[in-house]
């Protein structure tokens, strides 16, 4: 049962796992933020409602960073 569940989890969650690994290597603060989002999504009663809003907010932030590379990107650069 453990192996089957592990393979199922790996099959459906490989993209978030890869993102968490990359974020954790790049910046531990982003790793913590992503972990918090995933915990809220899985445990909070309104978790499924929070995720689309967060996705929209991150897409807008990405557009801002692309539109003005030196400005907002400097806020998230490791020091």
PDB file of N, CA and C in Angstrom:
ATOM      1  N   UNK A   1       0.815  -1.183   0.000  1.00  0.00           N
ATOM      2  CA  UNK A   1       0.000   0.000   0.000  1.00  0.00           C
ATOM      3  C   UNK A   1       0.867   1.259   0.000  1.00  0.00           C
ATOM      4  N   UNK A   2       1.961   1.253   0.750  1.00  0.00           N
ATOM      5  CA  UNK A   2       2.820   2.434   0.812  1.00  0.00           C
ATOM      6  C   UNK A   2       3.464   2.747  -0.514  1.00  0.00           C
ATOM      7  N   UNK A   3       3.925   1.711  -1.211  1.00  0.00           N
ATOM      8  CA  UNK A   3       4.561   1.913  -2.508  1.00  0.00           C
ATOM      9  C   UNK A   3       3.555   2.449  -3.509  1.00  0.00           C
ATOM     10  N   UNK A   4       2.348   1.887  -3.525  1.00  0.00           N
ATOM     11  CA  UNK A   4       1.318   2.348  -4.454  1.00  0.00           C
ATOM     12  C   UNK A   4       0.948   3.804  -4.201  1.00  0.00           C
ATOM     13  N   UNK A   5       0.789   4.162  -2.936  1.00  0.00           N
ATOM     14  CA  UNK A   5       0.456   5.545  -2.605  1.00  0.00           C
ATOM     15  C   UNK A   5       1.606   6.477  -2.981  1.00  0.00           C
ATOM     16  N   UNK A   6       2.832   6.063  -2.718  1.00  0.00           N
ATOM     17  CA  UNK A   6       3.992   6.880  -3.063  1.00  0.00           C
ATOM     18  C   UNK A   6       4.106   7.119  -4.557  1.00  0.00           C
ATOM     19  N   UNK A   7       3.876   6.081  -5.342  1.00  0.00           N
ATOM     20  CA  UNK A   7       3.934   6.232  -6.799  1.00  0.00           C
ATOM     21  C   UNK A   7       2.794   7.108  -7.310  1.00  0.00           C
ATOM     22  N   UNK A   8       1.597   6.946  -6.706  1.00  0.00           N
ATOM     23  CA  UNK A   8       0.473   7.798  -7.086  1.00  0.00           C
ATOM     24  C   UNK A   8       0.788   9.263  -6.779  1.00  0.00           C
ATOM     25  N   UNK A   9       1.338   9.521  -5.602  1.00  0.00           N
ATOM     26  CA  UNK A   9       1.673  10.887  -5.195  1.00  0.00           C
ATOM     27  C   UNK A   9       2.740  11.470  -6.121  1.00  0.00           C
ATOM     28  N   UNK A  10       3.739  10.694  -6.437  1.00  0.00           N
ATOM     29  CA  UNK A  10       4.787  11.158  -7.337  1.00  0.00           C
ATOM     30  C   UNK A  10       4.221  11.437  -8.723  1.00  0.00           C
ATOM     31  N   UNK A  11       3.299  10.594  -9.183  1.00  0.00           N
ATOM     32  CA  UNK A  11       2.711  10.771 -10.505  1.00  0.00           C
ATOM     33  C   UNK A  11       1.863  12.015 -10.627  1.00  0.00           C
ATOM     34  N   UNK A  12       1.134  12.344  -9.588  1.00  0.00           N
ATOM     35  CA  UNK A  12       0.243  13.505  -9.695  1.00  0.00           C
ATOM     36  C   UNK A  12       0.883  14.790  -9.180  1.00  0.00           C
ATOM     37  N   UNK A  13       1.961  14.685  -8.435  1.00  0.00           N
ATOM     38  CA  UNK A  13       2.548  15.879  -7.807  1.00  0.00           C
ATOM     39  C   UNK A  13       3.988  16.142  -8.230  1.00  0.00           C
ATOM     40  N   UNK A  14       4.428  15.585  -9.353  1.00  0.00           N
ATOM     41  CA  UNK A  14       5.823  15.751  -9.732  1.00  0.00           C
ATOM     42  C   UNK A  14       6.158  17.206 -10.034  1.00  0.00           C
ATOM     43  N   UNK A  15       5.230  17.961 -10.639  1.00  0.00           N
ATOM     44  CA  UNK A  15       5.517  19.352 -10.975  1.00  0.00           C
ATOM     45  C   UNK A  15       5.680  20.216  -9.713  1.00  0.00           C
ATOM     46  N   UNK A  16       4.760  20.140  -8.727  1.00  0.00           N
ATOM     47  CA  UNK A  16       4.997  20.922  -7.508  1.00  0.00           C
ATOM     48  C   UNK A  16       6.261  20.485  -6.758  1.00  0.00           C
ATOM     49  N   UNK A  17       6.563  19.194  -6.789  1.00  0.00           N
ATOM     50  CA  UNK A  17       7.780  18.727  -6.126  1.00  0.00           C
ATOM     51  C   UNK A  17       9.022  19.314  -6.793  1.00  0.00           C
ATOM     52  N   UNK A  18       9.025  19.360  -8.119  1.00  0.00           N
ATOM     53  CA  UNK A  18      10.152  19.935  -8.850  1.00  0.00           C
ATOM     54  C   UNK A  18      10.260  21.431  -8.574  1.00  0.00           C
ATOM     55  N   UNK A  19       9.131  22.115  -8.535  1.00  0.00           N
ATOM     56  CA  UNK A  19       9.120  23.541  -8.216  1.00  0.00           C
ATOM     57  C   UNK A  19       9.626  23.794  -6.807  1.00  0.00           C
ATOM     58  N   UNK A  20       9.203  22.971  -5.851  1.00  0.00           N
ATOM     59  CA  UNK A  20       9.664  23.136  -4.473  1.00  0.00           C
ATOM     60  C   UNK A  20      11.168  22.906  -4.367  1.00  0.00           C
ATOM     61  N   UNK A  21      11.690  21.934  -5.090  1.00  0.00           N
ATOM     62  CA  UNK A  21      13.129  21.679  -5.067  1.00  0.00           C
ATOM     63  C   UNK A  21      13.883  22.871  -5.635  1.00  0.00           C
ATOM     64  N   UNK A  22      13.445  23.379  -6.785  1.00  0.00           N
ATOM     65  CA  UNK A  22      14.123  24.517  -7.412  1.00  0.00           C
ATOM     66  C   UNK A  22      14.030  25.767  -6.535  1.00  0.00           C
ATOM     67  N   UNK A  23      12.872  26.015  -5.954  1.00  0.00           N
ATOM     68  CA  UNK A  23      12.708  27.192  -5.098  1.00  0.00           C
ATOM     69  C   UNK A  23      13.525  27.049  -3.825  1.00  0.00           C
ATOM     70  N   UNK A  24      13.587  25.864  -3.286  1.00  0.00           N
ATOM     71  CA  UNK A  24      14.356  25.647  -2.060  1.00  0.00           C
ATOM     72  C   UNK A  24      15.842  25.833  -2.265  1.00  0.00           C
ATOM     73  N   UNK A  25      16.325  25.449  -3.437  1.00  0.00           N
ATOM     74  CA  UNK A  25      17.745  25.642  -3.742  1.00  0.00           C
ATOM     75  C   UNK A  25      18.032  27.121  -3.980  1.00  0.00           C
ATOM     76  N   UNK A  26      17.116  27.809  -4.641  1.00  0.00           N
ATOM     77  CA  UNK A  26      17.332  29.206  -4.995  1.00  0.00           C
ATOM     78  C   UNK A  26      17.138  30.147  -3.806  1.00  0.00           C
ATOM     79  N   UNK A  27      16.058  29.956  -3.057  1.00  0.00           N
ATOM     80  CA  UNK A  27      15.743  30.902  -1.998  1.00  0.00           C
ATOM     81  C   UNK A  27      14.848  30.207  -0.962  1.00  0.00           C
ATOM     82  N   UNK A  28      15.342  29.999   0.241  1.00  0.00           N
ATOM     83  CA  UNK A  28      14.539  29.319   1.268  1.00  0.00           C
ATOM     84  C   UNK A  28      13.247  30.053   1.630  1.00  0.00           C
ATOM     85  N   UNK A  29      13.210  31.362   1.482  1.00  0.00           N
ATOM     86  CA  UNK A  29      11.986  32.100   1.792  1.00  0.00           C
ATOM     87  C   UNK A  29      10.865  31.719   0.816  1.00  0.00           C
ATOM     88  N   UNK A  30      11.187  31.571  -0.460  1.00  0.00           N
ATOM     89  CA  UNK A  30      10.180  31.139  -1.434  1.00  0.00           C
ATOM     90  C   UNK A  30       9.739  29.710  -1.143  1.00  0.00           C
ATOM     91  N   UNK A  31      10.661  28.886  -0.695  1.00  0.00           N
ATOM     92  CA  UNK A  31      10.318  27.506  -0.327  1.00  0.00           C
ATOM     93  C   UNK A  31       9.304  27.515   0.817  1.00  0.00           C
ATOM     94  N   UNK A  32       9.533  28.355   1.789  1.00  0.00           N
ATOM     95  CA  UNK A  32       8.595  28.477   2.904  1.00  0.00           C
ATOM     96  C   UNK A  32       7.240  28.989   2.460  1.00  0.00           C
ATOM     97  N   UNK A  33       7.231  29.969   1.566  1.00  0.00           N
ATOM     98  CA  UNK A  33       5.968  30.516   1.071  1.00  0.00           C
ATOM     99  C   UNK A  33       5.180  29.460   0.289  1.00  0.00           C
ATOM    100  N   UNK A  34       5.866  28.716  -0.564  1.00  0.00           N
ATOM    101  CA  UNK A  34       5.189  27.654  -1.321  1.00  0.00           C
ATOM    102  C   UNK A  34       4.664  26.559  -0.397  1.00  0.00           C
ATOM    103  N   UNK A  35       5.429  26.246   0.629  1.00  0.00           N
ATOM    104  CA  UNK A  35       4.987  25.245   1.596  1.00  0.00           C
ATOM    105  C   UNK A  35       3.725  25.716   2.308  1.00  0.00           C
ATOM    106  N   UNK A  36       3.703  26.964   2.710  1.00  0.00           N
ATOM    107  CA  UNK A  36       2.528  27.525   3.370  1.00  0.00           C
ATOM    108  C   UNK A  36       1.301  27.466   2.462  1.00  0.00           C
ATOM    109  N   UNK A  37       1.479  27.810   1.190  1.00  0.00           N
ATOM    110  CA  UNK A  37       0.360  27.751   0.241  1.00  0.00           C
ATOM    111  C   UNK A  37      -0.173  26.329   0.122  1.00  0.00           C
ATOM    112  N   UNK A  38       0.739  25.360   0.026  1.00  0.00           N
ATOM    113  CA  UNK A  38       0.296  23.969  -0.114  1.00  0.00           C
ATOM    114  C   UNK A  38      -0.398  23.466   1.145  1.00  0.00           C
ATOM    115  N   UNK A  39       0.069  23.874   2.305  1.00  0.00           N
ATOM    116  CA  UNK A  39      -0.571  23.463   3.556  1.00  0.00           C
ATOM    117  C   UNK A  39      -1.978  24.054   3.647  1.00  0.00           C
ATOM    118  N   UNK A  40      -2.114  25.337   3.295  1.00  0.00           N
ATOM    119  CA  UNK A  40      -3.436  25.973   3.328  1.00  0.00           C
ATOM    120  C   UNK A  40      -4.368  25.295   2.331  1.00  0.00           C
ATOM    121  N   UNK A  41      -3.853  24.997   1.141  1.00  0.00           N
ATOM    122  CA  UNK A  41      -4.681  24.340   0.122  1.00  0.00           C
ATOM    123  C   UNK A  41      -5.198  22.992   0.600  1.00  0.00           C
ATOM    124  N   UNK A  42      -4.375  22.243   1.297  1.00  0.00           N
ATOM    125  CA  UNK A  42      -4.756  20.889   1.692  1.00  0.00           C
ATOM    126  C   UNK A  42      -5.541  20.825   3.002  1.00  0.00           C
ATOM    127  N   UNK A  43      -5.347  21.776   3.903  1.00  0.00           N
ATOM    128  CA  UNK A  43      -5.947  21.657   5.230  1.00  0.00           C
ATOM    129  C   UNK A  43      -7.062  22.645   5.534  1.00  0.00           C
ATOM    130  N   UNK A  44      -7.045  23.820   4.937  1.00  0.00           N
ATOM    131  CA  UNK A  44      -8.059  24.829   5.258  1.00  0.00           C
ATOM    132  C   UNK A  44      -9.380  24.497   4.571  1.00  0.00           C
ATOM    133  N   UNK A  45     -10.502  24.796   5.230  1.00  0.00           N
ATOM    134  CA  UNK A  45     -11.808  24.536   4.612  1.00  0.00           C
ATOM    135  C   UNK A  45     -12.005  25.321   3.306  1.00  0.00           C
ATOM    136  N   UNK A  46     -11.403  26.495   3.204  1.00  0.00           N
ATOM    137  CA  UNK A  46     -11.533  27.317   1.999  1.00  0.00           C
ATOM    138  C   UNK A  46     -10.278  27.243   1.133  1.00  0.00           C
ATOM    139  N   UNK A  47      -9.485  26.206   1.298  1.00  0.00           N
ATOM    140  CA  UNK A  47      -8.227  26.080   0.569  1.00  0.00           C
ATOM    141  C   UNK A  47      -8.388  26.070  -0.931  1.00  0.00           C
ATOM    142  N   UNK A  48      -9.438  25.418  -1.411  1.00  0.00           N
ATOM    143  CA  UNK A  48      -9.646  25.350  -2.856  1.00  0.00           C
ATOM    144  C   UNK A  48     -10.021  26.704  -3.448  1.00  0.00           C
ATOM    145  N   UNK A  49     -10.533  27.604  -2.630  1.00  0.00           N
ATOM    146  CA  UNK A  49     -10.876  28.950  -3.112  1.00  0.00           C
ATOM    147  C   UNK A  49      -9.664  29.866  -3.123  1.00  0.00           C
ATOM    148  N   UNK A  50      -8.708  29.602  -2.264  1.00  0.00           N
ATOM    149  CA  UNK A  50      -7.527  30.463  -2.148  1.00  0.00           C
ATOM    150  C   UNK A  50      -6.592  30.265  -3.329  1.00  0.00           C
ATOM    151  N   UNK A  51      -6.482  29.051  -3.822  1.00  0.00           N
ATOM    152  CA  UNK A  51      -5.493  28.722  -4.845  1.00  0.00           C
ATOM    153  C   UNK A  51      -5.700  29.508  -6.146  1.00  0.00           C
ATOM    154  N   UNK A  52      -6.909  29.600  -6.706  1.00  0.00           N
ATOM    155  CA  UNK A  52      -7.056  30.392  -7.936  1.00  0.00           C
ATOM    156  C   UNK A  52      -6.722  31.871  -7.733  1.00  0.00           C
ATOM    157  N   UNK A  53      -7.088  32.413  -6.579  1.00  0.00           N
ATOM    158  CA  UNK A  53      -6.761  33.810  -6.311  1.00  0.00           C
ATOM    159  C   UNK A  53      -5.254  34.017  -6.223  1.00  0.00           C
ATOM    160  N   UNK A  54      -4.584  33.094  -5.580  1.00  0.00           N
ATOM    161  CA  UNK A  54      -3.133  33.173  -5.486  1.00  0.00           C
ATOM    162  C   UNK A  54      -2.490  33.005  -6.861  1.00  0.00           C
ATOM    163  N   UNK A  55      -3.042  32.130  -7.679  1.00  0.00           N
ATOM    164  CA  UNK A  55      -2.533  31.950  -9.034  1.00  0.00           C
ATOM    165  C   UNK A  55      -2.641  33.224  -9.850  1.00  0.00           C
ATOM    166  N   UNK A  56      -3.760  33.905  -9.733  1.00  0.00           N
ATOM    167  CA  UNK A  56      -3.941  35.171 -10.442  1.00  0.00           C
ATOM    168  C   UNK A  56      -2.955  36.207  -9.920  1.00  0.00           C
ATOM    169  N   UNK A  57      -2.795  36.276  -8.600  1.00  0.00           N
ATOM    170  CA  UNK A  57      -1.851  37.239  -8.016  1.00  0.00           C
ATOM    171  C   UNK A  57      -0.426  36.966  -8.480  1.00  0.00           C
ATOM    172  N   UNK A  58      -0.022  35.702  -8.534  1.00  0.00           N
ATOM    173  CA  UNK A  58       1.328  35.371  -8.993  1.00  0.00           C
ATOM    174  C   UNK A  58       1.499  35.654 -10.481  1.00  0.00           C
ATOM    175  N   UNK A  59       0.453  35.446 -11.282  1.00  0.00           N
ATOM    176  CA  UNK A  59       0.529  35.768 -12.703  1.00  0.00           C
ATOM    177  C   UNK A  59       0.686  37.269 -12.913  1.00  0.00           C
ATOM    178  N   UNK A  60      -0.038  38.066 -12.139  1.00  0.00           N
ATOM    179  CA  UNK A  60       0.096  39.524 -12.222  1.00  0.00           C
ATOM    180  C   UNK A  60       1.494  39.953 -11.790  1.00  0.00           C
ATOM    181  N   UNK A  61       2.002  39.376 -10.708  1.00  0.00           N
ATOM    182  CA  UNK A  61       3.353  39.686 -10.257  1.00  0.00           C
ATOM    183  C   UNK A  61       4.378  39.327 -11.331  1.00  0.00           C
ATOM    184  N   UNK A  62       4.200  38.187 -11.984  1.00  0.00           N
ATOM    185  CA  UNK A  62       5.098  37.798 -13.069  1.00  0.00           C
ATOM    186  C   UNK A  62       5.054  38.781 -14.226  1.00  0.00           C
ATOM    187  N   UNK A  63       3.863  39.259 -14.567  1.00  0.00           N
ATOM    188  CA  UNK A  63       3.732  40.247 -15.646  1.00  0.00           C
ATOM    189  C   UNK A  63       4.420  41.551 -15.277  1.00  0.00           C
ATOM    190  N   UNK A  64       4.295  41.960 -14.018  1.00  0.00           N
ATOM    191  CA  UNK A  64       4.966  43.178 -13.557  1.00  0.00           C
ATOM    192  C   UNK A  64       6.480  43.017 -13.640  1.00  0.00           C
ATOM    193  N   UNK A  65       6.976  41.865 -13.221  1.00  0.00           N
ATOM    194  CA  UNK A  65       8.418  41.618 -13.267  1.00  0.00           C
ATOM    195  C   UNK A  65       8.912  41.628 -14.707  1.00  0.00           C
ATOM    196  N   UNK A  66       8.146  41.035 -15.621  1.00  0.00           N
ATOM    197  CA  UNK A  66       8.552  41.038 -17.028  1.00  0.00           C
ATOM    198  C   UNK A  66       8.489  42.430 -17.643  1.00  0.00           C
ATOM    199  N   UNK A  67       7.522  43.234 -17.218  1.00  0.00           N
ATOM    200  CA  UNK A  67       7.367  44.571 -17.773  1.00  0.00           C
ATOM    201  C   UNK A  67       8.439  45.536 -17.276  1.00  0.00           C
ATOM    202  N   UNK A  68       8.879  45.359 -16.024  1.00  0.00           N
ATOM    203  CA  UNK A  68       9.865  46.254 -15.429  1.00  0.00           C
ATOM    204  C   UNK A  68      10.942  45.418 -14.740  1.00  0.00           C
ATOM    205  N   UNK A  69      11.859  44.817 -15.490  1.00  0.00           N
ATOM    206  CA  UNK A  69      12.817  43.882 -14.897  1.00  0.00           C
ATOM    207  C   UNK A  69      13.626  44.392 -13.703  1.00  0.00           C
ATOM    208  N   UNK A  70      14.170  45.590 -13.702  1.00  0.00           N
ATOM    209  CA  UNK A  70      14.987  45.936 -12.536  1.00  0.00           C
ATOM    210  C   UNK A  70      14.184  46.301 -11.291  1.00  0.00           C
ATOM    211  N   UNK A  71      12.949  46.722 -11.430  1.00  0.00           N
ATOM    212  CA  UNK A  71      12.173  47.196 -10.286  1.00  0.00           C
ATOM    213  C   UNK A  71      11.743  46.116  -9.323  1.00  0.00           C
ATOM    214  N   UNK A  72      10.603  45.451  -9.572  1.00  0.00           N
ATOM    215  CA  UNK A  72      10.083  44.462  -8.621  1.00  0.00           C
ATOM    216  C   UNK A  72      10.993  43.256  -8.422  1.00  0.00           C
ATOM    217  N   UNK A  73      11.765  42.913  -9.422  1.00  0.00           N
ATOM    218  CA  UNK A  73      12.642  41.753  -9.283  1.00  0.00           C
ATOM    219  C   UNK A  73      13.685  41.979  -8.175  1.00  0.00           C
ATOM    220  N   UNK A  74      14.062  43.217  -7.974  1.00  0.00           N
ATOM    221  CA  UNK A  74      15.048  43.509  -6.927  1.00  0.00           C
ATOM    222  C   UNK A  74      14.492  43.233  -5.530  1.00  0.00           C
ATOM    223  N   UNK A  75      13.170  43.284  -5.384  1.00  0.00           N
ATOM    224  CA  UNK A  75      12.566  43.001  -4.083  1.00  0.00           C
ATOM    225  C   UNK A  75      12.747  41.544  -3.674  1.00  0.00           C
ATOM    226  N   UNK A  76      12.812  40.648  -4.650  1.00  0.00           N
ATOM    227  CA  UNK A  76      12.868  39.226  -4.362  1.00  0.00           C
ATOM    228  C   UNK A  76      14.252  38.611  -4.573  1.00  0.00           C
ATOM    229  N   UNK A  77      15.206  39.443  -4.939  1.00  0.00           N
ATOM    230  CA  UNK A  77      16.559  38.918  -5.177  1.00  0.00           C
ATOM    231  C   UNK A  77      17.219  38.562  -3.852  1.00  0.00           C
ATOM    232  N   UNK A  78      17.934  37.439  -3.812  1.00  0.00           N
ATOM    233  CA  UNK A  78      18.646  37.080  -2.577  1.00  0.00           C
ATOM    234  C   UNK A  78      19.758  38.070  -2.309  1.00  0.00           C
ATOM    235  N   UNK A  79      19.982  38.325  -1.028  1.00  0.00           N
ATOM    236  CA  UNK A  79      21.011  39.323  -0.654  1.00  0.00           C
ATOM    237  C   UNK A  79      22.254  38.675  -0.191  1.00  0.00           C
TER     238      UNK A  79
END
